[in-house]
C-alpha atoms as a PDB file:
ATOM      1  CA  MET A   1    -125.324 107.003 241.787  1.00  0.00           C
ATOM      2  CA  PHE A   2    -123.322 107.199 245.001  1.00  0.00           C
ATOM      3  CA  SER A   3    -120.019 107.646 243.145  1.00  0.00           C
ATOM      4  CA  ASN A   4    -121.343 110.833 241.528  1.00  0.00           C
ATOM      5  CA  PHE A   5    -122.399 112.223 244.917  1.00  0.00           C
ATOM      6  CA  LEU A   6    -118.999 111.327 246.399  1.00  0.00           C
ATOM      7  CA  LYS A   7    -117.225 112.851 243.412  1.00  0.00           C
ATOM      8  CA  ARG A   8    -119.089 116.164 243.721  1.00  0.00           C
ATOM      9  CA  PHE A   9    -118.692 116.270 247.507  1.00  0.00           C
ATOM     10  CA  PHE A  10    -114.938 115.684 247.196  1.00  0.00           C
ATOM     11  CA  ASP A  11    -114.680 118.294 244.419  1.00  0.00           C
ATOM     12  CA  ILE A  12    -116.284 121.016 246.516  1.00  0.00           C
ATOM     13  CA  VAL A  13    -114.583 120.283 249.838  1.00  0.00           C
ATOM     14  CA  SER A  14    -111.084 119.658 248.466  1.00  0.00           C
ATOM     15  CA  CYS A  15    -111.137 122.698 246.167  1.00  0.00           C
ATOM     16  CA  LEU A  16    -112.420 125.013 248.905  1.00  0.00           C
ATOM     17  CA  VAL A  17    -109.699 123.819 251.286  1.00  0.00           C
ATOM     18  CA  ALA A  18    -107.007 124.028 248.584  1.00  0.00           C
ATOM     19  CA  THR A  19    -108.075 127.546 247.574  1.00  0.00           C
ATOM     20  CA  ILE A  20    -107.815 128.778 251.170  1.00  0.00           C
ATOM     21  CA  LEU A  21    -104.495 127.051 251.906  1.00  0.00           C
ATOM     22  CA  LEU A  22    -102.941 128.217 248.646  1.00  0.00           C
ATOM     23  CA  LEU A  23    -104.082 131.834 248.997  1.00  0.00           C
ATOM     24  CA  PRO A  24    -100.481 133.068 249.594  1.00  0.00           C
ATOM     25  CA  VAL A  25     -99.452 131.347 246.339  1.00  0.00           C
ATOM     26  CA  TRP A  26    -102.322 133.022 244.482  1.00  0.00           C
ATOM     27  CA  ILE A  27    -101.201 136.445 245.749  1.00  0.00           C
ATOM     28  CA  PHE A  28     -97.529 135.844 244.925  1.00  0.00           C
ATOM     29  CA  VAL A  29     -98.315 134.577 241.417  1.00  0.00           C
ATOM     30  CA  ALA A  30    -100.705 137.465 240.745  1.00  0.00           C
ATOM     31  CA  LEU A  31     -97.993 139.991 241.663  1.00  0.00           C
ATOM     32  CA  ALA A  32     -95.373 138.169 239.592  1.00  0.00           C
ATOM     33  CA  ILE A  33     -97.613 138.177 236.506  1.00  0.00           C
ATOM     34  CA  LYS A  34     -98.373 141.903 236.816  1.00  0.00           C
ATOM     35  CA  ILE A  35     -94.705 142.779 237.261  1.00  0.00           C
ATOM     36  CA  ASP A  36     -93.531 140.531 234.417  1.00  0.00           C
ATOM     37  CA  SER A  37     -95.883 141.547 231.593  1.00  0.00           C
ATOM     38  CA  LYS A  38     -98.778 143.777 230.620  1.00  0.00           C
ATOM     39  CA  GLY A  39    -102.268 142.345 230.781  1.00  0.00           C
ATOM     40  CA  PRO A  40    -104.729 140.678 233.168  1.00  0.00           C
ATOM     41  CA  ILE A  41    -103.718 138.180 235.853  1.00  0.00           C
ATOM     42  CA  LEU A  42    -106.282 135.614 234.808  1.00  0.00           C
ATOM     43  CA  PHE A  43    -106.939 134.215 231.354  1.00  0.00           C
ATOM     44  CA  ALA A  44    -110.534 133.160 230.635  1.00  0.00           C
ATOM     45  CA  GLN A  45    -111.208 130.957 227.618  1.00  0.00           C
ATOM     46  CA  GLY A  46    -114.387 129.402 226.247  1.00  0.00           C
ATOM     47  CA  ARG A  47    -114.296 125.617 226.694  1.00  0.00           C
ATOM     48  CA  ARG A  48    -116.752 122.734 226.298  1.00  0.00           C
ATOM     49  CA  THR A  49    -117.769 120.355 229.068  1.00  0.00           C
ATOM     50  CA  LYS A  50    -120.536 117.747 229.485  1.00  0.00           C
ATOM     51  CA  GLY A  51    -123.062 117.791 226.659  1.00  0.00           C
ATOM     52  CA  GLY A  52    -120.990 120.380 224.813  1.00  0.00           C
ATOM     53  CA  LYS A  53    -121.953 123.107 227.295  1.00  0.00           C
ATOM     54  CA  VAL A  54    -119.711 126.162 226.977  1.00  0.00           C
ATOM     55  CA  PHE A  55    -118.146 127.821 230.030  1.00  0.00           C
ATOM     56  CA  LYS A  56    -115.244 130.175 230.753  1.00  0.00           C
ATOM     57  CA  MET A  57    -112.251 128.203 232.014  1.00  0.00           C
ATOM     58  CA  LEU A  58    -109.823 130.162 234.166  1.00  0.00           C
ATOM     59  CA  LYS A  59    -106.039 130.037 234.221  1.00  0.00           C
ATOM     60  CA  PHE A  60    -103.243 132.243 235.438  1.00  0.00           C
ATOM     61  CA  ARG A  61    -102.074 134.061 232.302  1.00  0.00           C
ATOM     62  CA  SER A  62     -98.832 132.499 231.070  1.00  0.00           C
ATOM     63  CA  MET A  63     -98.701 134.086 227.602  1.00  0.00           C
ATOM     64  CA  VAL A  64     -98.782 137.553 226.141  1.00  0.00           C
ATOM     65  CA  VAL A  65    -102.206 139.116 225.661  1.00  0.00           C
ATOM     66  CA  ASN A  66    -104.139 137.810 222.635  1.00  0.00           C
ATOM     67  CA  ALA A  67    -101.680 134.922 222.180  1.00  0.00           C
ATOM     68  CA  GLU A  68    -104.511 132.700 220.899  1.00  0.00           C
ATOM     69  CA  ASN A  69    -104.651 134.819 217.752  1.00  0.00           C
ATOM     70  CA  ILE A  70    -100.880 135.089 217.265  1.00  0.00           C
ATOM     71  CA  GLY A  71     -98.471 132.660 215.612  1.00  0.00           C
ATOM     72  CA  THR A  72     -99.341 129.000 216.262  1.00  0.00           C
ATOM     73  CA  GLY A  73    -102.715 129.732 217.848  1.00  0.00           C
ATOM     74  CA  LEU A  74    -103.847 126.950 220.183  1.00  0.00           C
ATOM     75  CA  PHE A  75    -100.648 124.968 219.634  1.00  0.00           C
ATOM     76  CA  SER A  76     -97.615 125.660 221.808  1.00  0.00           C
ATOM     77  CA  TYR A  77     -94.254 124.137 220.953  1.00  0.00           C
ATOM     78  CA  ASP A  78     -90.920 124.328 222.758  1.00  0.00           C
ATOM     79  CA  ASN A  79     -89.484 127.843 223.107  1.00  0.00           C
ATOM     80  CA  ASP A  80     -92.826 129.437 222.242  1.00  0.00           C
ATOM     81  CA  PRO A  81     -92.072 133.202 222.122  1.00  0.00           C
ATOM     82  CA  ARG A  82     -95.596 134.007 223.331  1.00  0.00           C
ATOM     83  CA  VAL A  83     -94.931 132.456 226.753  1.00  0.00           C
ATOM     84  CA  THR A  84     -93.810 135.020 229.327  1.00  0.00           C
ATOM     85  CA  ARG A  85     -90.868 134.535 231.703  1.00  0.00           C
ATOM     86  CA  VAL A  86     -93.192 133.909 234.639  1.00  0.00           C
ATOM     87  CA  GLY A  87     -95.415 131.844 232.354  1.00  0.00           C
ATOM     88  CA  LYS A  88     -92.630 129.323 231.722  1.00  0.00           C
ATOM     89  CA  PHE A  89     -92.432 128.602 235.445  1.00  0.00           C
ATOM     90  CA  LEU A  90     -96.217 128.485 235.828  1.00  0.00           C
ATOM     91  CA  ARG A  91     -96.513 125.948 233.018  1.00  0.00           C
ATOM     92  CA  LYS A  92     -93.661 123.734 234.221  1.00  0.00           C
ATOM     93  CA  THR A  93     -95.202 123.513 237.680  1.00  0.00           C
ATOM     94  CA  SER A  94     -98.850 123.486 236.446  1.00  0.00           C
ATOM     95  CA  ILE A  95     -99.518 126.409 238.806  1.00  0.00           C
ATOM     96  CA  ASP A  96    -101.244 128.152 235.885  1.00  0.00           C
ATOM     97  CA  GLU A  97    -104.094 125.634 236.339  1.00  0.00           C
ATOM     98  CA  LEU A  98    -104.885 126.680 239.947  1.00  0.00           C
ATOM     99  CA  PRO A  99    -107.756 129.086 239.099  1.00  0.00           C
ATOM    100  CA  GLN A 100    -109.672 126.108 237.726  1.00  0.00           C
ATOM    101  CA  LEU A 101    -110.363 125.204 241.340  1.00  0.00           C
ATOM    102  CA  LEU A 102    -112.983 127.969 241.086  1.00  0.00           C
ATOM    103  CA  ASN A 103    -114.459 126.298 238.000  1.00  0.00           C
ATOM    104  CA  VAL A 104    -114.752 123.067 239.991  1.00  0.00           C
ATOM    105  CA  ILE A 105    -116.434 124.765 242.953  1.00  0.00           C
ATOM    106  CA  LYS A 106    -118.855 126.456 240.562  1.00  0.00           C
ATOM    107  CA  GLY A 107    -119.655 123.083 238.974  1.00  0.00           C
ATOM    108  CA  ASP A 108    -118.373 123.774 235.463  1.00  0.00           C
ATOM    109  CA  ILE A 109    -115.922 120.881 235.692  1.00  0.00           C
ATOM    110  CA  SER A 110    -114.646 118.245 238.115  1.00  0.00           C
ATOM    111  CA  ILE A 111    -111.141 117.569 239.349  1.00  0.00           C
ATOM    112  CA  VAL A 112    -111.059 114.456 237.157  1.00  0.00           C
ATOM    113  CA  GLY A 113    -112.628 114.130 233.719  1.00  0.00           C
ATOM    114  CA  PRO A 114    -111.832 114.614 230.017  1.00  0.00           C
ATOM    115  CA  ARG A 115    -109.884 117.822 229.495  1.00  0.00           C
ATOM    116  CA  PRO A 116    -112.330 120.482 228.201  1.00  0.00           C
ATOM    117  CA  CYS A 117    -111.512 121.510 224.635  1.00  0.00           C
ATOM    118  CA  VAL A 118    -111.583 125.068 223.319  1.00  0.00           C
ATOM    119  CA  THR A 119    -115.016 125.771 221.802  1.00  0.00           C
ATOM    120  CA  TYR A 120    -113.764 125.689 218.196  1.00  0.00           C
ATOM    121  CA  GLU A 121    -110.866 123.251 218.639  1.00  0.00           C
ATOM    122  CA  LEU A 122    -112.676 120.227 217.174  1.00  0.00           C
ATOM    123  CA  GLY A 123    -114.765 122.163 214.681  1.00  0.00           C
ATOM    124  CA  ASP A 124    -118.566 122.135 214.738  1.00  0.00           C
ATOM    125  CA  PHE A 125    -119.713 120.325 217.888  1.00  0.00           C
ATOM    126  CA  ASP A 126    -123.063 119.202 216.490  1.00  0.00           C
ATOM    127  CA  THR A 127    -121.464 117.266 213.624  1.00  0.00           C
ATOM    128  CA  LEU A 128    -118.757 115.478 215.627  1.00  0.00           C
ATOM    129  CA  ASN A 129    -118.654 111.727 215.044  1.00  0.00           C
ATOM    130  CA  LYS A 130    -119.675 109.320 217.818  1.00  0.00           C
ATOM    131  CA  LYS A 131    -116.128 108.672 219.013  1.00  0.00           C
ATOM    132  CA  TYR A 132    -115.378 112.347 219.542  1.00  0.00           C
ATOM    133  CA  LYS A 133    -118.760 113.103 221.103  1.00  0.00           C
ATOM    134  CA  LYS A 134    -118.552 110.274 223.640  1.00  0.00           C
ATOM    135  CA  ARG A 135    -116.028 112.124 225.795  1.00  0.00           C
ATOM    136  CA  PHE A 136    -118.701 114.777 226.401  1.00  0.00           C
ATOM    137  CA  GLU A 137    -120.963 112.288 228.192  1.00  0.00           C
ATOM    138  CA  VAL A 138    -119.287 113.249 231.465  1.00  0.00           C
ATOM    139  CA  LYS A 139    -118.209 116.528 233.005  1.00  0.00           C
ATOM    140  CA  GLY A 140    -114.772 117.783 231.966  1.00  0.00           C
ATOM    141  CA  GLY A 141    -111.898 117.884 234.421  1.00  0.00           C
ATOM    142  CA  ILE A 142    -108.645 119.570 235.435  1.00  0.00           C
ATOM    143  CA  THR A 143    -106.903 116.255 234.876  1.00  0.00           C
ATOM    144  CA  GLY A 144    -107.879 112.940 233.376  1.00  0.00           C
ATOM    145  CA  LEU A 145    -106.749 109.591 232.045  1.00  0.00           C
ATOM    146  CA  ALA A 146    -105.328 111.207 228.897  1.00  0.00           C
ATOM    147  CA  GLN A 147    -103.220 113.595 230.988  1.00  0.00           C
ATOM    148  CA  VAL A 148    -101.642 110.893 233.154  1.00  0.00           C
ATOM    149  CA  LYS A 149    -100.965 108.624 230.183  1.00  0.00           C
ATOM    150  CA  GLY A 150     -98.941 110.915 228.017  1.00  0.00           C
ATOM    151  CA  ARG A 151    -100.286 114.470 228.329  1.00  0.00           C
ATOM    152  CA  ASN A 152     -99.255 116.399 225.191  1.00  0.00           C
ATOM    153  CA  GLU A 153     -97.147 113.636 223.668  1.00  0.00           C
ATOM    154  CA  ASN A 154    -100.426 111.990 222.628  1.00  0.00           C
ATOM    155  CA  SER A 155    -102.263 112.993 219.462  1.00  0.00           C
ATOM    156  CA  TRP A 156    -105.811 114.327 219.803  1.00  0.00           C
ATOM    157  CA  ASP A 157    -107.140 110.982 218.597  1.00  0.00           C
ATOM    158  CA  GLU A 158    -105.143 109.128 221.271  1.00  0.00           C
ATOM    159  CA  LYS A 159    -106.415 111.555 223.908  1.00  0.00           C
ATOM    160  CA  VAL A 160    -110.012 110.951 222.818  1.00  0.00           C
ATOM    161  CA  THR A 161    -109.485 107.188 222.983  1.00  0.00           C
ATOM    162  CA  LEU A 162    -108.224 107.519 226.574  1.00  0.00           C
ATOM    163  CA  ASP A 163    -111.049 109.924 227.490  1.00  0.00           C
ATOM    164  CA  ASN A 164    -113.570 107.390 226.203  1.00  0.00           C
ATOM    165  CA  GLN A 165    -111.862 104.679 228.242  1.00  0.00           C
ATOM    166  CA  TYR A 166    -112.387 106.886 231.293  1.00  0.00           C
ATOM    167  CA  VAL A 167    -116.096 107.232 230.477  1.00  0.00           C
ATOM    168  CA  ASP A 168    -116.447 103.448 230.300  1.00  0.00           C
ATOM    169  CA  ARG A 169    -114.232 102.646 233.295  1.00  0.00           C
ATOM    170  CA  TYR A 170    -115.961 105.204 235.536  1.00  0.00           C
ATOM    171  CA  LYS A 171    -119.203 103.300 235.092  1.00  0.00           C
ATOM    172  CA  SER A 172    -117.644 100.216 236.695  1.00  0.00           C
ATOM    173  CA  GLU A 173    -114.911 101.662 238.953  1.00  0.00           C
ATOM    174  CA  GLY A 174    -116.624 104.866 240.047  1.00  0.00           C
ATOM    175  CA  PHE A 175    -114.854 107.378 242.279  1.00  0.00           C
ATOM    176  CA  TRP A 176    -112.015 104.918 242.945  1.00  0.00           C
ATOM    177  CA  LEU A 177    -110.814 105.561 239.387  1.00  0.00           C
ATOM    178  CA  ASP A 178    -110.683 109.311 240.128  1.00  0.00           C
ATOM    179  CA  ILE A 179    -108.541 108.690 243.209  1.00  0.00           C
ATOM    180  CA  LYS A 180    -106.026 106.695 241.157  1.00  0.00           C
ATOM    181  CA  ILE A 181    -105.893 109.375 238.454  1.00  0.00           C
ATOM    182  CA  MET A 182    -105.283 112.100 241.050  1.00  0.00           C
ATOM    183  CA  TRP A 183    -102.290 110.193 242.437  1.00  0.00           C
ATOM    184  CA  TRP A 184    -100.926 109.639 238.920  1.00  0.00           C
ATOM    185  CA  THR A 185    -101.402 113.355 238.233  1.00  0.00           C
ATOM    186  CA  LEU A 186     -99.236 114.343 241.213  1.00  0.00           C
ATOM    187  CA  PHE A 187     -96.465 112.161 239.847  1.00  0.00           C
ATOM    188  CA  LYS A 188     -96.818 113.742 236.401  1.00  0.00           C
ATOM    189  CA  VAL A 189     -96.632 117.263 237.827  1.00  0.00           C
ATOM    190  CA  PHE A 190     -93.379 116.512 239.630  1.00  0.00           C
ATOM    191  CA  THR A 191     -91.787 114.867 236.579  1.00  0.00           C
ATOM    192  CA  LYS A 192     -92.673 117.897 234.411  1.00  0.00           C
ATOM    193  CA  LYS A 193     -92.871 115.936 231.162  1.00  0.00           C
ATOM    194  CA  ASN A 194     -94.755 116.564 227.902  1.00  0.00           C
ATOM    195  CA  ILE A 195     -95.802 120.118 228.725  1.00  0.00           C
ATOM    196  CA  ASN A 196     -95.777 121.257 225.084  1.00  0.00           C
ATOM    197  CA  GLU A 197     -97.035 119.640 221.889  1.00  0.00           C
ATOM    198  CA  SER A 198     -94.676 117.971 219.416  1.00  0.00           C
ATOM    199  CA  LYS A 199     -94.370 119.276 215.875  1.00  0.00           C
ATOM    200  CA  ILE A 200     -95.492 117.070 212.994  1.00  0.00           C
ATOM    201  CA  SER A 201     -92.056 117.483 211.388  1.00  0.00           C
ATOM    202  CA  GLU A 202     -88.946 119.384 212.404  1.00  0.00           C
ATOM    203  CA  ASP A 203     -88.631 120.464 208.767  1.00  0.00           C
ATOM    204  CA  MET A 204     -91.803 122.545 209.162  1.00  0.00           C
ATOM    205  CA  SER A 205     -92.055 125.955 210.752  1.00  0.00           C
ATOM    206  CA  ASP A 206     -94.072 126.158 213.973  1.00  0.00           C
ATOM    207  CA  ILE A 207     -96.922 127.918 212.171  1.00  0.00           C
ATOM    208  CA  GLU A 208     -97.021 125.369 209.326  1.00  0.00           C
ATOM    209  CA  SER A 209     -97.083 122.485 211.818  1.00  0.00           C
ATOM    210  CA  ALA A 210     -99.845 124.145 213.850  1.00  0.00           C
ATOM    211  CA  GLU A 211    -102.012 124.783 210.778  1.00  0.00           C
ATOM    212  CA  LEU A 212    -101.651 121.224 209.518  1.00  0.00           C
ATOM    213  CA  SER A 213    -102.303 119.763 212.977  1.00  0.00           C
ATOM    214  CA  ASP A 214    -105.429 121.888 213.366  1.00  0.00           C
ATOM    215  CA  GLU A 215    -106.796 120.719 210.005  1.00  0.00           C
ATOM    216  CA  GLU A 216    -106.047 117.075 210.800  1.00  0.00           C
ATOM    217  CA  VAL A 217    -107.736 117.182 214.221  1.00  0.00           C
ATOM    218  CA  LYS A 218    -110.935 118.589 212.738  1.00  0.00           C
ATOM    219  CA  ARG A 219    -110.858 116.148 209.822  1.00  0.00           C
ATOM    220  CA  ILE A 220    -110.573 113.081 212.063  1.00  0.00           C
ATOM    221  CA  ALA A 221    -113.213 114.419 214.463  1.00  0.00           C
ATOM    222  CA  HIS A 222    -115.730 114.516 211.630  1.00  0.00           C
ATOM    223  CA  LEU A 223    -114.953 111.246 209.862  1.00  0.00           C
ATOM    224  CA  PRO A 224    -118.083 109.156 209.211  1.00  0.00           C
ATOM    225  CA  ASP A 225    -118.965 106.687 211.992  1.00  0.00           C
END
């Protein structure tokens, strides 16, 4: 399929060029992270891409070390105490995502595709229902249809619905769909909206909301087809 060749060619060339041009930014951010808090510059996390394949997705560290196992876990709400001072800026500008350019060059993911989930985020991969497994028919991406149509204001189920729409639309629109999503992504980055998740209820504590949200995501992902 020519669109797949064009997609991969664009991924490699654009990410190589961007990595070189943004090298001063990489250096500045790396220094800022080291000065601001203890821990590594990069954060590597196990994620799933096409076919459920697991890879290490890279980000500039924006939280304290071991944040994944503290407080609300994978969920991050407004004023999350685990986010560092530099991390707040990195998240608002999406600069924390820059190291994923290396994941794209390596071939783990593409620029555009369903956002790779954490390995255990949806529960057991092998027993996912058809709706939740469909999004894994294509390679994951730095950005995707779900990110430009709501980002974190959408529930996981809404994100999966949009991811599946991407899978279907890519078959007919090809690389042209990726181009449109990339333009929409630039707009989203500059508007800086929906960076954090929304709590189920303001009457709940952050931890209670995170625990209930985690249970609900896994329950829906394993509903019978």
